[in-house]
């Protein structure tokens, strides 16, 4: 093959590559453009995903906090229900025991005793006033008959004051009252012994 023929062949080959190459270059540009768009979309979606994750975390924490508060309220309601059951049962038995004191000492002396106890409780005093010691000593002597101390009787007075008439759920028998002592709420365990003693006293 002479030089002229060889040149023609090469020229023909070159010409045949021009169009396909241009096509491929165009395709390359389209692909790069699409990749740029995809990368931008990915970046946008990624930012959206991060924001959404933050919101989910915040909402999850809030939900956890709310759930905990609900559980605490349920617990408080259960304790309140237990307290109401105890108050409604024993407030009348305490009143019956106080009636025994009134019958023993009379209304006037009981009023002095009750006032002295309430003053000590309300003012959170350690001891009784000197002017109250005479009537309190008389009360202590009476309480000893039923193996009650003045401290235990103060607890009973506190118990009665804390109970409210709206909690009253009807009369209970002595047997009901004894049975309930076995399932007292933990926060009211201090009242069990003095309550048991007055139940014996008023039989």
C-alpha atoms as a PDB file:
ATOM      1  CA  UNK A   1       0.000   0.000   0.000  1.00  0.00           C
ATOM      2  CA  UNK A   2       1.437   3.300  -1.040  1.00  0.00           C
ATOM      3  CA  UNK A   3       1.403   6.371   1.137  1.00  0.00           C
ATOM      4  CA  UNK A   4      -1.554   7.905  -0.590  1.00  0.00           C
ATOM      5  CA  UNK A   5      -3.736   4.871  -0.097  1.00  0.00           C
ATOM      6  CA  UNK A   6      -2.605   4.549   3.505  1.00  0.00           C
ATOM      7  CA  UNK A   7      -3.486   8.184   4.191  1.00  0.00           C
ATOM      8  CA  UNK A   8      -6.946   7.674   2.698  1.00  0.00           C
ATOM      9  CA  UNK A   9      -7.537   4.671   4.936  1.00  0.00           C
ATOM     10  CA  UNK A  10      -6.416   6.571   8.036  1.00  0.00           C
ATOM     11  CA  UNK A  11      -8.508   9.569   7.068  1.00  0.00           C
ATOM     12  CA  UNK A  12     -11.523   7.348   6.655  1.00  0.00           C
ATOM     13  CA  UNK A  13     -10.975   5.760  10.042  1.00  0.00           C
ATOM     14  CA  UNK A  14     -10.575   9.168  11.654  1.00  0.00           C
ATOM     15  CA  UNK A  15     -13.759  10.416  10.075  1.00  0.00           C
ATOM     16  CA  UNK A  16     -15.629   7.350  11.250  1.00  0.00           C
ATOM     17  CA  UNK A  17     -14.636   8.075  14.867  1.00  0.00           C
ATOM     18  CA  UNK A  18     -15.704  11.708  14.973  1.00  0.00           C
ATOM     19  CA  UNK A  19     -19.458  11.180  15.248  1.00  0.00           C
ATOM     20  CA  UNK A  20     -19.349   8.320  17.766  1.00  0.00           C
ATOM     21  CA  UNK A  21     -16.869  10.254  19.879  1.00  0.00           C
ATOM     22  CA  UNK A  22     -19.077  13.338  19.899  1.00  0.00           C
ATOM     23  CA  UNK A  23     -22.000  11.138  20.895  1.00  0.00           C
ATOM     24  CA  UNK A  24     -20.033   9.596  23.736  1.00  0.00           C
ATOM     25  CA  UNK A  25     -18.876  13.013  24.912  1.00  0.00           C
ATOM     26  CA  UNK A  26     -22.494  14.187  24.979  1.00  0.00           C
ATOM     27  CA  UNK A  27     -23.507  11.064  26.866  1.00  0.00           C
ATOM     28  CA  UNK A  28     -20.675  11.703  29.311  1.00  0.00           C
ATOM     29  CA  UNK A  29     -21.875  15.247  29.889  1.00  0.00           C
ATOM     30  CA  UNK A  30     -25.427  14.017  30.475  1.00  0.00           C
ATOM     31  CA  UNK A  31     -24.187  11.378  32.900  1.00  0.00           C
ATOM     32  CA  UNK A  32     -22.072  13.894  34.799  1.00  0.00           C
ATOM     33  CA  UNK A  33     -24.999  16.299  34.946  1.00  0.00           C
ATOM     34  CA  UNK A  34     -27.263  13.550  36.268  1.00  0.00           C
ATOM     35  CA  UNK A  35     -24.649  12.531  38.814  1.00  0.00           C
ATOM     36  CA  UNK A  36     -24.389  16.143  39.985  1.00  0.00           C
ATOM     37  CA  UNK A  37     -28.163  16.259  40.384  1.00  0.00           C
ATOM     38  CA  UNK A  38     -28.179  12.954  42.255  1.00  0.00           C
ATOM     39  CA  UNK A  39     -25.390  14.113  44.527  1.00  0.00           C
ATOM     40  CA  UNK A  40     -27.271  17.319  45.268  1.00  0.00           C
ATOM     41  CA  UNK A  41     -30.461  15.386  45.954  1.00  0.00           C
ATOM     42  CA  UNK A  42     -28.542  12.979  48.162  1.00  0.00           C
ATOM     43  CA  UNK A  43     -27.051  15.873  50.084  1.00  0.00           C
ATOM     44  CA  UNK A  44     -30.480  17.444  50.506  1.00  0.00           C
ATOM     45  CA  UNK A  45     -32.022  14.143  51.589  1.00  0.00           C
ATOM     46  CA  UNK A  46     -29.143  13.506  53.947  1.00  0.00           C
ATOM     47  CA  UNK A  47     -29.696  16.865  55.653  1.00  0.00           C
ATOM     48  CA  UNK A  48     -33.421  16.110  55.842  1.00  0.00           C
ATOM     49  CA  UNK A  49     -32.612  12.724  57.339  1.00  0.00           C
ATOM     50  CA  UNK A  50     -30.375  14.265  60.006  1.00  0.00           C
ATOM     51  CA  UNK A  51     -33.069  16.801  60.889  1.00  0.00           C
ATOM     52  CA  UNK A  52     -35.708  14.089  61.038  1.00  0.00           C
ATOM     53  CA  UNK A  53     -33.495  11.950  63.286  1.00  0.00           C
ATOM     54  CA  UNK A  54     -33.119  14.882  65.680  1.00  0.00           C
ATOM     55  CA  UNK A  55     -36.891  15.329  65.786  1.00  0.00           C
ATOM     56  CA  UNK A  56     -37.424  11.607  66.378  1.00  0.00           C
ATOM     57  CA  UNK A  57     -34.913  11.649  69.235  1.00  0.00           C
ATOM     58  CA  UNK A  58     -36.565  14.689  70.796  1.00  0.00           C
ATOM     59  CA  UNK A  59     -40.039  13.179  70.444  1.00  0.00           C
ATOM     60  CA  UNK A  60     -38.838   9.848  71.855  1.00  0.00           C
ATOM     61  CA  UNK A  61     -37.360  11.592  74.889  1.00  0.00           C
ATOM     62  CA  UNK A  62     -40.529  13.619  75.379  1.00  0.00           C
ATOM     63  CA  UNK A  63     -42.630  10.479  75.069  1.00  0.00           C
ATOM     64  CA  UNK A  64     -40.426   8.702  77.613  1.00  0.00           C
ATOM     65  CA  UNK A  65     -40.754  11.636  80.025  1.00  0.00           C
ATOM     66  CA  UNK A  66     -44.531  11.741  79.570  1.00  0.00           C
ATOM     67  CA  UNK A  67     -44.779   7.978  80.091  1.00  0.00           C
ATOM     68  CA  UNK A  68     -42.776   8.282  83.301  1.00  0.00           C
ATOM     69  CA  UNK A  69     -45.028  11.078  84.543  1.00  0.00           C
ATOM     70  CA  UNK A  70     -48.106   8.987  83.727  1.00  0.00           C
ATOM     71  CA  UNK A  71     -46.674   6.039  85.668  1.00  0.00           C
ATOM     72  CA  UNK A  72     -45.937   8.313  88.626  1.00  0.00           C
ATOM     73  CA  UNK A  73     -49.494   9.674  88.543  1.00  0.00           C
ATOM     74  CA  UNK A  74     -50.905   6.136  88.392  1.00  0.00           C
ATOM     75  CA  UNK A  75     -48.747   5.216  91.388  1.00  0.00           C
ATOM     76  CA  UNK A  76     -49.909   8.303  93.279  1.00  0.00           C
ATOM     77  CA  UNK A  77     -53.532   7.495  92.470  1.00  0.00           C
ATOM     78  CA  UNK A  78     -53.081   3.948  93.739  1.00  0.00           C
ATOM     79  CA  UNK A  79     -51.511   5.228  96.959  1.00  0.00           C
ATOM     80  CA  UNK A  80     -54.297   7.803  97.265  1.00  0.00           C
ATOM     81  CA  UNK A  81     -56.875   5.046  96.795  1.00  0.00           C
ATOM     82  CA  UNK A  82     -55.181   2.970  99.499  1.00  0.00           C
ATOM     83  CA  UNK A  83     -55.049   5.959 101.851  1.00  0.00           C
ATOM     84  CA  UNK A  84     -58.735   6.695 101.293  1.00  0.00           C
ATOM     85  CA  UNK A  85     -59.654   3.094 102.100  1.00  0.00           C
ATOM     86  CA  UNK A  86     -57.708   3.273 105.355  1.00  0.00           C
ATOM     87  CA  UNK A  87     -59.025   6.674 106.387  1.00  0.00           C
ATOM     88  CA  UNK A  88     -62.625   5.770 105.631  1.00  0.00           C
ATOM     89  CA  UNK A  89     -62.368   2.648 107.782  1.00  0.00           C
ATOM     90  CA  UNK A  90     -60.544   3.935 110.863  1.00  0.00           C
ATOM     91  CA  UNK A  91     -61.634   7.524 111.371  1.00  0.00           C
ATOM     92  CA  UNK A  92     -64.887   6.363 112.996  1.00  0.00           C
ATOM     93  CA  UNK A  93     -63.129   3.858 115.260  1.00  0.00           C
ATOM     94  CA  UNK A  94     -60.856   6.618 116.484  1.00  0.00           C
ATOM     95  CA  UNK A  95     -63.942   8.733 117.156  1.00  0.00           C
ATOM     96  CA  UNK A  96     -65.426   5.855 119.156  1.00  0.00           C
ATOM     97  CA  UNK A  97     -62.282   5.629 121.267  1.00  0.00           C
ATOM     98  CA  UNK A  98     -62.319   9.383 121.830  1.00  0.00           C
ATOM     99  CA  UNK A  99     -65.908   9.003 123.018  1.00  0.00           C
ATOM    100  CA  UNK A 100     -64.624   6.661 125.754  1.00  0.00           C
ATOM    101  CA  UNK A 101     -62.250   9.422 126.851  1.00  0.00           C
ATOM    102  CA  UNK A 102     -65.080  11.970 126.891  1.00  0.00           C
ATOM    103  CA  UNK A 103     -67.235   9.648 128.983  1.00  0.00           C
ATOM    104  CA  UNK A 104     -64.359   9.184 131.403  1.00  0.00           C
ATOM    105  CA  UNK A 105     -63.338  12.818 131.811  1.00  0.00           C
ATOM    106  CA  UNK A 106     -66.281  14.855 130.549  1.00  0.00           C
ATOM    107  CA  UNK A 107     -66.506  17.180 127.568  1.00  0.00           C
ATOM    108  CA  UNK A 108     -64.771  20.149 129.220  1.00  0.00           C
ATOM    109  CA  UNK A 109     -61.662  18.263 130.276  1.00  0.00           C
ATOM    110  CA  UNK A 110     -61.491  16.448 126.941  1.00  0.00           C
ATOM    111  CA  UNK A 111     -61.645  19.801 125.168  1.00  0.00           C
ATOM    112  CA  UNK A 112     -58.585  20.927 127.159  1.00  0.00           C
ATOM    113  CA  UNK A 113     -56.763  17.674 126.392  1.00  0.00           C
ATOM    114  CA  UNK A 114     -57.601  17.865 122.696  1.00  0.00           C
ATOM    115  CA  UNK A 115     -56.573  21.511 122.473  1.00  0.00           C
ATOM    116  CA  UNK A 116     -53.226  20.761 124.140  1.00  0.00           C
ATOM    117  CA  UNK A 117     -52.545  17.898 121.725  1.00  0.00           C
ATOM    118  CA  UNK A 118     -53.531  19.918 118.655  1.00  0.00           C
ATOM    119  CA  UNK A 119     -51.371  22.853 119.736  1.00  0.00           C
ATOM    120  CA  UNK A 120     -48.382  20.547 120.150  1.00  0.00           C
ATOM    121  CA  UNK A 121     -49.001  18.946 116.752  1.00  0.00           C
ATOM    122  CA  UNK A 122     -49.651  22.158 114.824  1.00  0.00           C
ATOM    123  CA  UNK A 123     -46.685  23.995 116.338  1.00  0.00           C
ATOM    124  CA  UNK A 124     -44.466  20.910 116.123  1.00  0.00           C
ATOM    125  CA  UNK A 125     -43.456  21.208 119.765  1.00  0.00           C
ATOM    126  CA  UNK A 126     -41.361  18.565 121.502  1.00  0.00           C
ATOM    127  CA  UNK A 127     -43.103  18.886 124.869  1.00  0.00           C
ATOM    128  CA  UNK A 128     -46.436  20.094 126.170  1.00  0.00           C
ATOM    129  CA  UNK A 129     -46.864  23.471 127.801  1.00  0.00           C
ATOM    130  CA  UNK A 130     -46.628  23.494 131.598  1.00  0.00           C
ATOM    131  CA  UNK A 131     -50.250  24.559 131.943  1.00  0.00           C
ATOM    132  CA  UNK A 132     -51.322  21.526 129.900  1.00  0.00           C
ATOM    133  CA  UNK A 133     -49.327  18.896 131.795  1.00  0.00           C
ATOM    134  CA  UNK A 134     -52.003  18.207 134.432  1.00  0.00           C
ATOM    135  CA  UNK A 135     -54.699  17.186 131.947  1.00  0.00           C
ATOM    136  CA  UNK A 136     -52.180  15.396 129.717  1.00  0.00           C
ATOM    137  CA  UNK A 137     -50.960  13.364 132.702  1.00  0.00           C
ATOM    138  CA  UNK A 138     -54.548  12.325 133.399  1.00  0.00           C
ATOM    139  CA  UNK A 139     -54.927  11.310 129.775  1.00  0.00           C
ATOM    140  CA  UNK A 140     -51.662   9.337 129.886  1.00  0.00           C
ATOM    141  CA  UNK A 141     -52.900   7.386 132.915  1.00  0.00           C
ATOM    142  CA  UNK A 142     -56.091   6.500 131.056  1.00  0.00           C
ATOM    143  CA  UNK A 143     -54.230   5.499 127.895  1.00  0.00           C
ATOM    144  CA  UNK A 144     -51.983   3.156 129.865  1.00  0.00           C
ATOM    145  CA  UNK A 145     -55.029   0.987 130.578  1.00  0.00           C
ATOM    146  CA  UNK A 146     -55.055   0.152 126.856  1.00  0.00           C
ATOM    147  CA  UNK A 147     -51.269   0.009 126.494  1.00  0.00           C
ATOM    148  CA  UNK A 148     -51.278   3.258 124.532  1.00  0.00           C
ATOM    149  CA  UNK A 149     -48.647   5.963 124.920  1.00  0.00           C
ATOM    150  CA  UNK A 150     -49.347   9.652 124.506  1.00  0.00           C
ATOM    151  CA  UNK A 151     -47.139   9.595 121.378  1.00  0.00           C
ATOM    152  CA  UNK A 152     -49.303   6.879 119.856  1.00  0.00           C
ATOM    153  CA  UNK A 153     -52.438   8.815 120.723  1.00  0.00           C
ATOM    154  CA  UNK A 154     -50.973  11.881 119.017  1.00  0.00           C
ATOM    155  CA  UNK A 155     -50.551   9.736 115.901  1.00  0.00           C
ATOM    156  CA  UNK A 156     -54.211   8.770 116.098  1.00  0.00           C
ATOM    157  CA  UNK A 157     -55.229  12.429 116.351  1.00  0.00           C
ATOM    158  CA  UNK A 158     -53.049  13.237 113.328  1.00  0.00           C
ATOM    159  CA  UNK A 159     -54.627  10.339 111.486  1.00  0.00           C
ATOM    160  CA  UNK A 160     -58.120  11.599 112.252  1.00  0.00           C
ATOM    161  CA  UNK A 161     -57.251  15.141 111.194  1.00  0.00           C
ATOM    162  CA  UNK A 162     -55.796  13.930 107.909  1.00  0.00           C
ATOM    163  CA  UNK A 163     -58.869  11.936 107.081  1.00  0.00           C
ATOM    164  CA  UNK A 164     -61.626  13.813 105.298  1.00  0.00           C
ATOM    165  CA  UNK A 165     -65.356  13.234 105.308  1.00  0.00           C
ATOM    166  CA  UNK A 166     -65.392  13.026 101.490  1.00  0.00           C
ATOM    167  CA  UNK A 167     -63.271   9.880 101.710  1.00  0.00           C
ATOM    168  CA  UNK A 168     -65.837   8.088 103.848  1.00  0.00           C
ATOM    169  CA  UNK A 169     -66.952   4.873 102.190  1.00  0.00           C
ATOM    170  CA  UNK A 170     -69.505   3.573 104.661  1.00  0.00           C
ATOM    171  CA  UNK A 171     -69.393   1.783 107.983  1.00  0.00           C
ATOM    172  CA  UNK A 172     -66.929  -1.040 108.549  1.00  0.00           C
ATOM    173  CA  UNK A 173     -67.174  -3.864 111.067  1.00  0.00           C
ATOM    174  CA  UNK A 174     -64.482  -4.433 113.664  1.00  0.00           C
ATOM    175  CA  UNK A 175     -63.445  -7.534 111.767  1.00  0.00           C
ATOM    176  CA  UNK A 176     -63.095  -5.486 108.552  1.00  0.00           C
ATOM    177  CA  UNK A 177     -60.910  -3.029 110.434  1.00  0.00           C
ATOM    178  CA  UNK A 178     -58.676  -5.785 111.817  1.00  0.00           C
ATOM    179  CA  UNK A 179     -58.254  -7.355 108.384  1.00  0.00           C
ATOM    180  CA  UNK A 180     -57.321  -4.049 106.788  1.00  0.00           C
ATOM    181  CA  UNK A 181     -54.495  -3.589 109.287  1.00  0.00           C
ATOM    182  CA  UNK A 182     -52.658  -6.421 107.521  1.00  0.00           C
ATOM    183  CA  UNK A 183     -52.521  -4.553 104.210  1.00  0.00           C
ATOM    184  CA  UNK A 184     -51.792  -0.990 105.304  1.00  0.00           C
ATOM    185  CA  UNK A 185     -50.000   1.272 102.777  1.00  0.00           C
ATOM    186  CA  UNK A 186     -46.279   1.524 103.526  1.00  0.00           C
ATOM    187  CA  UNK A 187     -46.502   5.259 104.155  1.00  0.00           C
ATOM    188  CA  UNK A 188     -49.049   4.655 106.948  1.00  0.00           C
ATOM    189  CA  UNK A 189     -47.416   1.752 108.821  1.00  0.00           C
ATOM    190  CA  UNK A 190     -46.792   3.899 111.922  1.00  0.00           C
ATOM    191  CA  UNK A 191     -50.528   3.953 112.581  1.00  0.00           C
ATOM    192  CA  UNK A 192     -50.958   0.164 112.725  1.00  0.00           C
ATOM    193  CA  UNK A 193     -50.095  -0.463 116.394  1.00  0.00           C
ATOM    194  CA  UNK A 194     -52.104   2.379 117.952  1.00  0.00           C
ATOM    195  CA  UNK A 195     -55.071   1.541 115.714  1.00  0.00           C
ATOM    196  CA  UNK A 196     -54.903  -2.121 116.720  1.00  0.00           C
ATOM    197  CA  UNK A 197     -54.872  -1.117 120.390  1.00  0.00           C
ATOM    198  CA  UNK A 198     -57.943   1.100 120.183  1.00  0.00           C
ATOM    199  CA  UNK A 199     -59.819  -1.640 118.321  1.00  0.00           C
ATOM    200  CA  UNK A 200     -59.176  -3.863 121.324  1.00  0.00           C
ATOM    201  CA  UNK A 201     -60.166  -1.043 123.665  1.00  0.00           C
ATOM    202  CA  UNK A 202     -63.569  -0.431 122.060  1.00  0.00           C
ATOM    203  CA  UNK A 203     -64.626  -4.070 121.735  1.00  0.00           C
END
